[in-house]
Structure formats: structure tokens, C-alpha cells
């Protein structure tokens, strides 16, 4: 037998309530958490159809060949932004009529690989060798309600389907453990002048990849303590009268220490890099991860926090670039402005109905709560109330400066009030020609030293 999937009962109710309404099929995503032997599915959400796709799917001769892989993969990519650390898109489901039951395998196989490829393309981290690389495809017949559950190894393009077990359990995620962390970042990324086609987004991703290594190698304190990675996360917690381990609190505070590693890896030789500008990401990021309470290990908890840190910073940058592209090309902005500040979107959390696990989205300052709620509903296909929205970070105003004098005054103001943390968003500063000036200054200094040496 293959992998076992422990599934929240409300997921089963959601799937059974899907009405084809004359369509040939309805597909969507399965969301949850992996472990060594079994996976936990806590949410299912259908892929919103395109307007023109609605009419196609209602055609009498419509088949799974009409399934839009690119649209489904993009939905998976958007939903993956809304998942805190520890949660993944575990696979896909599809509800079809009985007539389509025998023709879905090849199409769904292509789809599961397309979905995984779409999400992996944007990640700053890689799966470890110990992690399961199998993803599930759940097929449900709308008339008989018969379920077929199979998995594919998405790391192996030649993998074949393996049977899997699908089990329902009530109140699966009502007592999951949460880990919360605030990370202060100050990332400097030089912009390459080598090619116009080498976009701001590519430069930024390369810079974030270097920063990601610091996060991966950081020291993580859980409730102020460094614990062995193979240790039980709940070790030392109180036990109930039935002998089951229970946490006195479902939430853990996590702190990240990276400065020690930065100092130990400091190079003694300086390098000069010619660049057309730079990007500075500076601020405080609210991170959150969740992990099941079935004998969780410290290493699993730390890994979930690491990935949430990396995901939320990368996702915010990507969302900002998308917003800039809708208004004006980022490259054009860099060329026409000496310095420019942008506030990245801040994080908003919302609980999964009937669970203590929360999902997230990102909100710009001018977006209303109604817009965020509507986006949650569109992406996740579950009712969301405005009062359920939890804004993790407050909004700060950004100072836009175009002269060096203003830059100096801004820096002085920061120095005078170091006790005020940046608790809101990350500020993106695009500053051109600084790299060229620095390189020229270093070259002049080197020439002066050489001249003085040879004169002596």
C-alpha cells in the first residue's frame, strides 16, 4: 500500500457538495501537510473557471481535454502564496461524470506535474531528500460517489501511479501547533547593468537567494531555547490524565539568530561590482507556521518557520513587481529616478473555518478589507467574514527622496530613534548609479596609493 492521507471531515463534505451543474468536470486543489508516513489534508478548494471556459465545459462533447493546465497551475501558484509555513498544495482533485471515469489518468498526470512545476519555480528553498515527493490525485465520480486515490512522484518524470489510502477524521486541525516569529531584515541587492533584459525581478531573486542561505543556516530559538533537531517539540509539556501529551499553549515563540553566521563568514578581501543601482529591503516581517500535533519534531517545526520566512519575503517582492508592471515598467522607473521608495504589501491572516490554522494574503495600503475578503473567497472558495481578517503588520508611510540631503536626514532620524522598530512593511529602495560611483572611487583610491608607493 502507498501513502495514507488523513483528511478533515469537512473536506469530505465540501467535495460531496460540489455540483457539476451541467459541466463535464470540476477540478481543484488539496491543501495540507506532509509527514514521513502520512499526509494531512485540511482544505480543498476548486479552481475558479474562466468565463469562456464555463461555456466550453457545458458542451455535450466536452472532455478532460478541455482542462486548462495553465489556468489550474496559475491558481495553484496564487494559492501557495496564501499558505503559511508547514502547509503545501498536496495534490489535486477532480469530480467527473461516470462517462469520464476512464479517460482522466493521462490528463491529470500532466496536470499534477504542471502544478508542482509552477510552484517550484518561485521558491527560494528546496525539498530535502527525506521529504516525500509524492503528490495525490483524487478522482470522485459525481453519480456513484466512488473515490479513486493515487499518487505520483513529482521528482520522477517517468513515475507511474501508485494507490493511496484516503481516511477521514473529525476535528483534524483544531489543535495544531503554531509557531510565530518576527524577523528584522536589511538586504542590499546590487542591480546588474549587463543587460536590459536582466530584469529587476531577476536581480532581486538572485539577491534573495544569497540571503536565503543565511536564513537556512541561522540559529533558531524556540521559546528562548536551542533544542536538538531530533527532539520532540512537545517534550517537557504537561500530560493529561489520559496520558496524552498536551501543550500548555498551542503557540510557540521562535527567534532567529543570523548575525553570528554573518560575522563568521565575513571575507577579508573586498570586491568591486559595477552595477546600475541597488535594491534595499528593510523592515520587520511577521511569520507564522503550523505543524500537526502527532509527535512533531523540532526539525520539522524549524523547517516550517524557515520556509515561511523565505516565502513571505519572496512573495511580497513578486506582488510588488506585478503591481509596478500594471502601472509602469520597473526598469523604466529605475532609469528615471535617483531614489524611490515602495512599501511592500503587509500580511493579513484569516482562520480556516473550524480550525485553529490560519491562511494569509497580502494587502496594499489602499486596498479595502472587502477586496481582501473577496480575493480569499475567489481563491479558496470558502466563506470569509471581514471581522475574521487579522492584520499582522501595521502600515507605515514611506518617505520618497530624490536628493542626497534628504537621504542624510532620513538616516539621521533613524539613528536618533533606534528604539522604534520597523513593525510594518518592508521598504524597497531603488537607487541608481551608486555602484558606478563607488567603483570609480575605489579605482581612484587604488591609483593614488600606487602612485604614492612608486614615488617613494
Protein backbone atom coordinates (compact mmCIF):
# COMPACT_ATOMS: atom_id res chain seq x y z
CA UNK A 1 0.00 0.00 0.00
CA UNK A 2 1.17 3.54 -0.73
CA UNK A 3 0.83 6.69 1.34
CA UNK A 4 -2.02 7.33 3.74
CA UNK A 5 -3.97 10.59 3.66
CA UNK A 6 -5.69 11.67 6.87
CA UNK A 7 -8.42 14.06 5.77
CA UNK A 8 -10.51 16.58 7.68
CA UNK A 9 -14.17 15.53 7.58
CA UNK A 10 -15.22 18.98 6.38
CA UNK A 11 -13.11 18.38 3.25
CA UNK A 12 -15.22 15.32 2.51
CA UNK A 13 -18.39 17.35 2.95
CA UNK A 14 -17.06 20.06 0.65
CA UNK A 15 -16.19 17.55 -2.09
CA UNK A 16 -19.53 15.74 -1.85
CA UNK A 17 -21.42 19.04 -2.14
CA UNK A 18 -19.78 20.00 -5.44
CA UNK A 19 -22.43 20.20 -8.13
CA UNK A 20 -21.29 19.87 -11.72
CA UNK A 21 -24.28 21.97 -12.89
CA UNK A 22 -24.06 20.58 -16.39
CA UNK A 23 -20.27 20.80 -16.63
CA UNK A 24 -18.12 17.87 -17.68
CA UNK A 25 -15.93 18.17 -14.58
CA UNK A 26 -14.83 20.37 -11.67
CA UNK A 27 -11.20 20.34 -10.51
CA UNK A 28 -9.35 21.91 -7.60
CA UNK A 29 -6.53 21.72 -5.06
CA UNK A 30 -5.91 19.72 -1.89
CA UNK A 31 -4.02 21.57 0.85
CA UNK A 32 -2.33 20.20 3.94
CA UNK A 33 0.92 19.00 5.45
CA UNK A 34 3.38 16.20 4.71
CA UNK A 35 4.98 13.90 7.24
CA UNK A 36 7.21 10.87 6.87
CA UNK A 37 4.48 8.24 6.57
CA UNK A 38 1.22 10.09 6.08
CA UNK A 39 -0.13 13.38 4.82
CA UNK A 40 -2.79 15.55 6.44
CA UNK A 41 -5.40 17.23 4.21
CA UNK A 42 -7.20 20.10 5.92
CA UNK A 43 -8.63 22.09 3.00
CA UNK A 44 -9.91 21.65 -0.56
CA UNK A 45 -10.67 24.48 -2.97
CA UNK A 46 -11.98 24.33 -6.51
CA UNK A 47 -10.19 26.12 -9.32
CA UNK A 48 -12.28 29.13 -10.43
CA UNK A 49 -13.21 28.65 -14.12
CA UNK A 50 -12.57 31.23 -16.78
CA UNK A 51 -15.68 32.87 -18.16
CA UNK A 52 -15.11 31.44 -21.62
CA UNK A 53 -14.28 28.05 -20.07
CA UNK A 54 -17.71 27.81 -18.46
CA UNK A 55 -19.44 27.56 -21.82
CA UNK A 56 -16.87 25.08 -23.15
CA UNK A 57 -17.34 22.72 -20.21
CA UNK A 58 -21.12 22.68 -20.70
CA UNK A 59 -20.78 21.44 -24.26
CA UNK A 60 -22.27 17.92 -24.65
CA UNK A 61 -18.99 16.56 -26.05
CA UNK A 62 -16.72 18.26 -23.51
CA UNK A 63 -13.98 16.03 -22.07
CA UNK A 64 -10.98 16.38 -19.81
CA UNK A 65 -9.05 17.51 -22.87
CA UNK A 66 -10.73 20.87 -22.22
CA UNK A 67 -8.97 21.16 -18.86
CA UNK A 68 -6.78 24.28 -18.93
CA UNK A 69 -3.49 23.18 -17.34
CA UNK A 70 -2.00 26.68 -17.42
CA UNK A 71 -5.03 28.18 -15.65
CA UNK A 72 -5.03 25.44 -12.98
CA UNK A 73 -1.28 25.81 -12.43
CA UNK A 74 -1.64 29.58 -12.02
CA UNK A 75 -4.39 29.04 -9.44
CA UNK A 76 -2.07 26.70 -7.54
CA UNK A 77 0.68 29.33 -7.65
CA UNK A 78 -1.67 32.00 -6.29
CA UNK A 79 -2.96 29.73 -3.53
CA UNK A 80 0.57 28.72 -2.50
CA UNK A 81 1.20 32.40 -1.62
CA UNK A 82 -1.66 32.15 0.87
CA UNK A 83 -0.20 29.20 2.76
CA UNK A 84 1.85 29.81 5.92
CA UNK A 85 4.86 27.68 6.79
CA UNK A 86 4.13 23.98 7.07
CA UNK A 87 1.29 23.92 4.54
CA UNK A 88 1.59 22.81 0.93
CA UNK A 89 -0.55 22.05 -2.09
CA UNK A 90 -0.54 18.26 -1.69
CA UNK A 91 -2.31 17.47 -4.92
CA UNK A 92 -5.45 17.91 -6.95
CA UNK A 93 -9.00 16.57 -7.01
CA UNK A 94 -11.43 16.22 -9.87
CA UNK A 95 -15.14 15.47 -9.88
CA UNK A 96 -16.45 13.99 -13.13
CA UNK A 97 -19.43 12.14 -14.53
CA UNK A 98 -19.33 8.37 -14.81
CA UNK A 99 -18.67 8.56 -18.56
CA UNK A 100 -15.37 10.34 -17.95
CA UNK A 101 -14.12 7.91 -15.32
CA UNK A 102 -11.73 6.01 -17.63
CA UNK A 103 -10.15 8.89 -19.51
CA UNK A 104 -8.76 11.14 -16.82
CA UNK A 105 -5.46 9.45 -15.91
CA UNK A 106 -3.06 10.89 -18.52
CA UNK A 107 -4.57 14.38 -18.36
CA UNK A 108 -4.40 14.50 -14.58
CA UNK A 109 -0.86 13.17 -14.58
CA UNK A 110 0.22 16.08 -16.77
CA UNK A 111 -1.71 18.47 -14.56
CA UNK A 112 -0.12 17.36 -11.27
CA UNK A 113 3.36 17.83 -12.75
CA UNK A 114 2.41 21.25 -14.19
CA UNK A 115 1.07 22.39 -10.81
CA UNK A 116 4.23 21.33 -8.97
CA UNK A 117 6.49 22.95 -11.57
CA UNK A 118 4.58 26.24 -11.33
CA UNK A 119 5.07 26.42 -7.56
CA UNK A 120 8.71 25.25 -7.51
CA UNK A 121 9.72 27.94 -9.98
CA UNK A 122 9.31 30.70 -7.37
CA UNK A 123 10.63 29.02 -4.24
CA UNK A 124 13.86 30.08 -2.52
CA UNK A 125 14.21 26.66 -0.88
CA UNK A 126 14.41 23.05 -1.99
CA UNK A 127 12.84 19.91 -0.62
CA UNK A 128 15.16 17.69 1.38
CA UNK A 129 15.94 14.11 0.46
CA UNK A 130 13.96 12.87 3.47
CA UNK A 131 10.74 14.57 2.42
CA UNK A 132 8.04 12.77 0.49
CA UNK A 133 7.82 13.88 -3.13
CA UNK A 134 4.56 12.11 -3.88
CA UNK A 135 1.52 14.21 -4.77
CA UNK A 136 -2.02 12.94 -4.77
CA UNK A 137 -4.74 12.87 -7.43
CA UNK A 138 -8.24 12.27 -6.07
CA UNK A 139 -10.97 11.35 -8.53
CA UNK A 140 -14.63 11.40 -7.48
CA UNK A 141 -17.50 10.11 -9.60
CA UNK A 142 -20.41 12.52 -9.25
CA UNK A 143 -23.09 9.85 -9.67
CA UNK A 144 -21.72 6.91 -7.66
CA UNK A 145 -19.56 8.99 -5.24
CA UNK A 146 -16.83 6.40 -5.73
CA UNK A 147 -13.34 7.65 -4.84
CA UNK A 148 -10.07 6.79 -6.56
CA UNK A 149 -6.89 7.97 -4.81
CA UNK A 150 -3.48 7.71 -6.49
CA UNK A 151 -0.10 9.36 -6.11
CA UNK A 152 2.76 10.30 -8.44
CA UNK A 153 6.36 11.04 -7.56
CA UNK A 154 6.73 14.58 -8.96
CA UNK A 155 10.54 14.33 -8.73
CA UNK A 156 10.48 11.47 -11.23
CA UNK A 157 9.08 12.40 -14.69
CA UNK A 158 8.69 8.70 -15.50
CA UNK A 159 6.85 7.75 -12.31
CA UNK A 160 3.69 5.72 -12.54
CA UNK A 161 0.56 5.89 -10.42
CA UNK A 162 0.54 4.25 -7.01
CA UNK A 163 -2.60 3.54 -4.95
CA UNK A 164 -3.07 5.53 -1.74
CA UNK A 165 -5.39 5.33 1.24
CA UNK A 166 -7.91 8.11 1.92
CA UNK A 167 -9.22 8.30 5.52
CA UNK A 168 -11.50 10.91 7.07
CA UNK A 169 -11.06 12.21 10.61
CA UNK A 170 -13.08 14.78 12.52
CA UNK A 171 -11.54 17.92 14.04
CA UNK A 172 -8.18 17.13 12.46
CA UNK A 173 -6.64 20.60 12.68
CA UNK A 174 -8.38 22.08 15.71
CA UNK A 175 -5.33 21.61 17.96
CA UNK A 176 -2.38 22.05 15.61
CA UNK A 177 0.64 23.88 16.99
CA UNK A 178 1.50 27.35 15.74
CA UNK A 179 4.93 28.96 15.65
CA UNK A 180 5.25 32.74 15.42
CA UNK A 181 8.33 34.74 14.57
CA UNK A 182 9.26 38.35 13.76
CA UNK A 183 12.31 38.72 11.52
CA UNK A 184 14.09 42.05 11.03
CA UNK A 185 15.76 42.17 7.65
CA UNK A 186 18.10 44.56 5.88
CA UNK A 187 19.00 43.12 2.48
CA UNK A 188 21.13 45.02 -0.04
CA UNK A 189 20.89 43.76 -3.63
CA UNK A 190 23.01 45.30 -6.43
CA UNK A 191 21.37 45.62 -9.85
CA UNK A 192 23.35 44.18 -12.75
CA UNK A 193 23.98 46.54 -15.69
CA UNK A 194 24.95 43.72 -18.07
CA UNK A 195 21.70 43.52 -20.00
CA UNK A 196 18.45 45.40 -20.26
CA UNK A 197 16.67 42.06 -20.39
CA UNK A 198 18.14 41.18 -16.98
CA UNK A 199 15.11 42.42 -15.12
CA UNK A 200 14.71 43.93 -11.69
CA UNK A 201 12.83 40.81 -10.67
CA UNK A 202 15.70 38.51 -11.70
CA UNK A 203 18.25 40.66 -9.88
CA UNK A 204 16.13 40.66 -6.76
CA UNK A 205 15.61 36.90 -6.82
CA UNK A 206 19.37 36.34 -7.11
CA UNK A 207 19.94 38.63 -4.13
CA UNK A 208 17.25 36.87 -2.12
CA UNK A 209 18.82 33.51 -2.93
CA UNK A 210 22.04 34.65 -1.23
CA UNK A 211 20.06 35.92 1.76
CA UNK A 212 18.12 32.63 1.91
CA UNK A 213 21.35 30.80 2.76
CA UNK A 214 21.68 32.93 5.90
CA UNK A 215 18.13 32.03 6.92
CA UNK A 216 18.74 28.34 6.23
CA UNK A 217 21.91 28.36 8.35
CA UNK A 218 20.53 30.53 11.16
CA UNK A 219 20.19 29.50 14.81
CA UNK A 220 16.56 29.09 15.89
CA UNK A 221 15.42 29.54 19.46
CA UNK A 222 12.06 28.02 20.42
CA UNK A 223 10.61 29.74 23.48
CA UNK A 224 14.11 31.08 24.13
CA UNK A 225 15.85 27.69 23.97
CA UNK A 226 18.02 25.93 21.40
CA UNK A 227 16.72 22.37 21.09
CA UNK A 228 18.14 19.31 19.41
CA UNK A 229 16.54 18.91 15.98
CA UNK A 230 15.53 15.29 16.62
CA UNK A 231 13.93 16.20 19.93
CA UNK A 232 10.16 16.03 20.37
CA UNK A 233 8.77 19.56 20.07
CA UNK A 234 6.35 18.88 22.94
CA UNK A 235 8.98 17.41 25.24
CA UNK A 236 8.51 18.70 28.76
CA UNK A 237 4.89 19.68 28.21
CA UNK A 238 2.20 18.66 30.66
CA UNK A 239 0.32 15.40 30.24
CA UNK A 240 -3.41 14.96 30.55
CA UNK A 241 -5.00 12.41 32.84
CA UNK A 242 -5.25 10.03 29.85
CA UNK A 243 -1.51 10.12 29.39
CA UNK A 244 -1.55 12.09 26.17
CA UNK A 245 0.99 14.87 25.78
CA UNK A 246 -0.63 18.28 25.59
CA UNK A 247 0.96 21.65 25.13
CA UNK A 248 0.23 24.21 27.80
CA UNK A 249 -0.04 26.64 24.88
CA UNK A 250 -0.64 25.86 21.23
CA UNK A 251 1.69 28.68 20.22
CA UNK A 252 5.49 28.79 20.28
CA UNK A 253 7.69 31.86 20.01
CA UNK A 254 10.60 31.49 17.59
CA UNK A 255 13.63 33.76 17.29
CA UNK A 256 16.20 33.66 14.52
CA UNK A 257 19.89 34.45 15.01
CA UNK A 258 21.78 35.03 11.76
CA UNK A 259 24.26 37.75 12.78
CA UNK A 260 26.69 35.22 14.28
CA UNK A 261 26.91 33.44 10.96
CA UNK A 262 27.34 36.68 9.06
CA UNK A 263 30.33 37.61 11.20
CA UNK A 264 31.94 34.18 10.91
CA UNK A 265 31.60 34.18 7.12
CA UNK A 266 32.95 37.68 6.64
CA UNK A 267 35.58 37.82 3.92
CA UNK A 268 38.84 39.64 4.44
CA UNK A 269 39.11 40.74 0.78
CA UNK A 270 36.89 43.41 -0.77
CA UNK A 271 35.34 43.13 -4.22
CA UNK A 272 34.08 45.84 -6.52
CA UNK A 273 30.94 45.22 -8.51
CA UNK A 274 29.79 47.62 -11.20
CA UNK A 275 26.04 48.00 -11.02
CA UNK A 276 23.30 50.23 -12.34
CA UNK A 277 21.63 50.63 -8.96
CA UNK A 278 20.56 48.70 -5.91
CA UNK A 279 17.53 47.39 -4.09
CA UNK A 280 17.31 47.62 -0.32
CA UNK A 281 14.75 45.56 1.55
CA UNK A 282 14.43 46.73 5.12
CA UNK A 283 11.83 46.14 7.78
CA UNK A 284 10.18 43.60 10.09
CA UNK A 285 8.32 40.57 8.78
CA UNK A 286 5.66 38.70 10.72
CA UNK A 287 5.98 34.97 10.11
CA UNK A 288 3.76 32.10 11.13
CA UNK A 289 3.92 28.34 10.70
CA UNK A 290 1.74 25.40 11.70
CA UNK A 291 2.55 21.79 12.45
CA UNK A 292 0.44 18.76 13.36
CA UNK A 293 0.46 17.64 16.99
CA UNK A 294 1.20 13.95 16.35
CA UNK A 295 4.69 13.69 17.91
CA UNK A 296 6.16 16.65 16.00
CA UNK A 297 9.93 17.01 15.85
CA UNK A 298 11.88 20.22 16.45
CA UNK A 299 13.47 19.97 13.00
CA UNK A 300 10.02 19.91 11.36
CA UNK A 301 8.94 22.99 13.27
CA UNK A 302 12.13 24.92 12.44
CA UNK A 303 11.87 23.91 8.80
CA UNK A 304 8.29 25.21 8.62
CA UNK A 305 9.36 28.56 10.10
CA UNK A 306 12.33 28.87 7.73
CA UNK A 307 10.16 28.32 4.70
CA UNK A 308 7.57 30.81 5.84
CA UNK A 309 10.27 33.47 6.24
CA UNK A 310 11.59 32.81 2.75
CA UNK A 311 8.16 32.53 1.15
CA UNK A 312 6.67 35.70 2.59
CA UNK A 313 9.62 37.92 1.60
CA UNK A 314 9.81 36.48 -1.92
CA UNK A 315 6.03 36.64 -2.40
CA UNK A 316 5.84 40.28 -1.33
CA UNK A 317 8.56 41.27 -3.78
CA UNK A 318 6.81 39.39 -6.55
CA UNK A 319 3.46 41.02 -5.76
CA UNK A 320 5.08 44.47 -5.80
CA UNK A 321 6.72 43.84 -9.18
CA UNK A 322 3.37 42.69 -10.57
CA UNK A 323 1.79 45.88 -9.27
CA UNK A 324 4.55 48.02 -10.82
CA UNK A 325 4.19 46.26 -14.16
CA UNK A 326 0.48 47.04 -14.20
CA UNK A 327 1.28 50.73 -13.83
CA UNK A 328 4.74 51.26 -15.26
CA UNK A 329 7.80 49.15 -16.11
CA UNK A 330 10.13 48.74 -13.09
CA UNK A 331 13.19 49.12 -15.36
CA UNK A 332 11.89 52.45 -16.60
CA UNK A 333 11.37 53.58 -13.03
CA UNK A 334 14.98 52.77 -12.16
CA UNK A 335 16.35 54.68 -15.13
CA UNK A 336 14.32 57.81 -14.47
CA UNK A 337 14.63 58.20 -10.72
CA UNK A 338 17.64 58.61 -8.44
CA UNK A 339 15.88 57.06 -5.49
CA UNK A 340 12.40 55.74 -4.96
CA UNK A 341 10.62 54.09 -2.04
CA UNK A 342 7.89 51.48 -2.30
CA UNK A 343 6.05 49.84 0.54
CA UNK A 344 5.56 46.14 0.05
CA UNK A 345 2.15 44.68 0.92
CA UNK A 346 1.65 43.69 4.53
CA UNK A 347 0.29 40.38 5.72
CA UNK A 348 -3.30 39.56 6.60
CA UNK A 349 -4.36 36.28 8.23
CA UNK A 350 -7.74 34.56 8.25
CA UNK A 351 -8.72 31.30 10.02
CA UNK A 352 -9.82 28.18 8.18
CA UNK A 353 -13.44 27.56 9.28
CA UNK A 354 -13.49 25.08 12.16
CA UNK A 355 -9.72 25.07 12.58
CA UNK A 356 -7.05 26.96 14.52
CA UNK A 357 -4.88 27.04 11.38
CA UNK A 358 -4.83 30.38 9.55
CA UNK A 359 -4.16 31.23 5.93
CA UNK A 360 -2.75 34.54 4.72
CA UNK A 361 -2.97 37.13 1.98
CA UNK A 362 -1.23 40.41 1.20
CA UNK A 363 -2.73 43.88 1.30
CA UNK A 364 -1.50 47.20 -0.07
CA UNK A 365 -2.36 50.28 1.95
CA UNK A 366 -5.04 51.48 -0.49
CA UNK A 367 -6.85 48.14 -0.66
CA UNK A 368 -10.05 47.75 1.34
CA UNK A 369 -10.93 44.86 3.64
CA UNK A 370 -13.76 43.98 1.26
CA UNK A 371 -11.27 43.47 -1.58
CA UNK A 372 -9.13 41.19 0.54
CA UNK A 373 -12.17 39.19 1.64
CA UNK A 374 -13.33 38.80 -1.96
CA UNK A 375 -9.87 37.59 -3.01
CA UNK A 376 -9.90 34.99 -0.23
CA UNK A 377 -13.30 33.76 -1.39
CA UNK A 378 -12.26 33.65 -5.04
CA UNK A 379 -9.05 31.73 -4.39
CA UNK A 380 -10.22 29.42 -1.59
CA UNK A 381 -13.96 29.04 -2.31
CA UNK A 382 -14.88 29.30 1.37
CA UNK A 383 -16.95 31.94 3.19
CA UNK A 384 -14.86 34.62 4.89
CA UNK A 385 -16.10 37.37 7.20
CA UNK A 386 -14.42 40.78 7.28
CA UNK A 387 -14.22 40.62 11.07
CA UNK A 388 -12.14 37.44 10.75
CA UNK A 389 -9.32 39.28 8.99
CA UNK A 390 -6.27 39.68 11.23
CA UNK A 391 -3.80 42.32 10.07
CA UNK A 392 -0.39 41.08 11.18
CA UNK A 393 1.51 44.29 10.43
CA UNK A 394 0.57 47.93 10.74
CA UNK A 395 1.03 50.41 7.90
CA UNK A 396 3.92 52.90 7.82
CA UNK A 397 4.20 55.81 5.44
CA UNK A 398 7.16 55.77 3.05
CA UNK A 399 9.47 58.77 2.63
CA UNK A 400 10.21 59.46 -1.05
CA UNK A 401 13.52 61.24 -1.57
CA UNK A 402 15.31 62.39 -4.71
CA UNK A 403 18.38 64.10 -3.24
CA UNK A 404 21.32 63.06 -1.08
CA UNK A 405 20.46 65.71 1.52
CA UNK A 406 17.09 64.12 2.15
CA UNK A 407 18.76 60.74 2.40
CA UNK A 408 21.09 62.01 5.11
CA UNK A 409 18.29 63.47 7.16
CA UNK A 410 16.34 60.23 6.92
CA UNK A 411 19.34 58.19 8.08
CA UNK A 412 19.94 60.60 10.99
CA UNK A 413 16.35 60.29 12.09
CA UNK A 414 16.70 56.50 12.18
CA UNK A 415 19.87 56.81 14.28
CA UNK A 416 18.25 59.15 16.76
CA UNK A 417 15.36 56.78 17.43
CA UNK A 418 16.80 53.25 17.35
CA UNK A 419 14.27 52.07 19.88
CA UNK A 420 11.45 52.29 17.33
CA UNK A 421 11.36 49.01 15.37
CA UNK A 422 10.01 48.92 11.85
CA UNK A 423 6.98 46.83 12.62
CA UNK A 424 5.13 47.24 9.39
CA UNK A 425 6.16 46.56 5.86
CA UNK A 426 9.45 46.16 4.11
CA UNK A 427 10.61 49.25 2.25
CA UNK A 428 12.02 48.73 -1.22
CA UNK A 429 14.51 51.44 -2.24
CA UNK A 430 15.66 51.58 -5.85
CA UNK A 431 18.81 53.71 -6.10
CA UNK A 432 20.72 54.03 -9.36
CA UNK A 433 24.36 54.76 -10.17
CA UNK A 434 25.59 54.26 -6.59
CA UNK A 435 27.55 51.17 -7.65
CA UNK A 436 29.26 53.01 -10.51
CA UNK A 437 30.25 55.89 -8.24
CA UNK A 438 31.60 53.50 -5.59
CA UNK A 439 33.62 51.58 -8.17
CA UNK A 440 35.09 54.81 -9.54
CA UNK A 441 36.00 55.99 -6.04
CA UNK A 442 37.76 52.72 -5.25
CA UNK A 443 39.67 52.87 -8.55
CA UNK A 444 40.84 56.43 -7.85
CA UNK A 445 41.92 55.49 -4.33
CA UNK A 446 43.86 52.49 -5.63
CA UNK A 447 45.59 54.65 -8.25
CA UNK A 448 46.56 57.20 -5.58
CA UNK A 449 48.03 54.53 -3.32
CA UNK A 450 50.00 53.03 -6.23
CA UNK A 451 51.32 56.47 -7.24
CA UNK A 452 52.42 57.20 -3.66
CA UNK A 453 54.10 53.79 -3.37
CA UNK A 454 56.10 54.07 -6.59
CA UNK A 455 57.05 57.70 -5.80
CA UNK A 456 58.58 56.52 -2.54
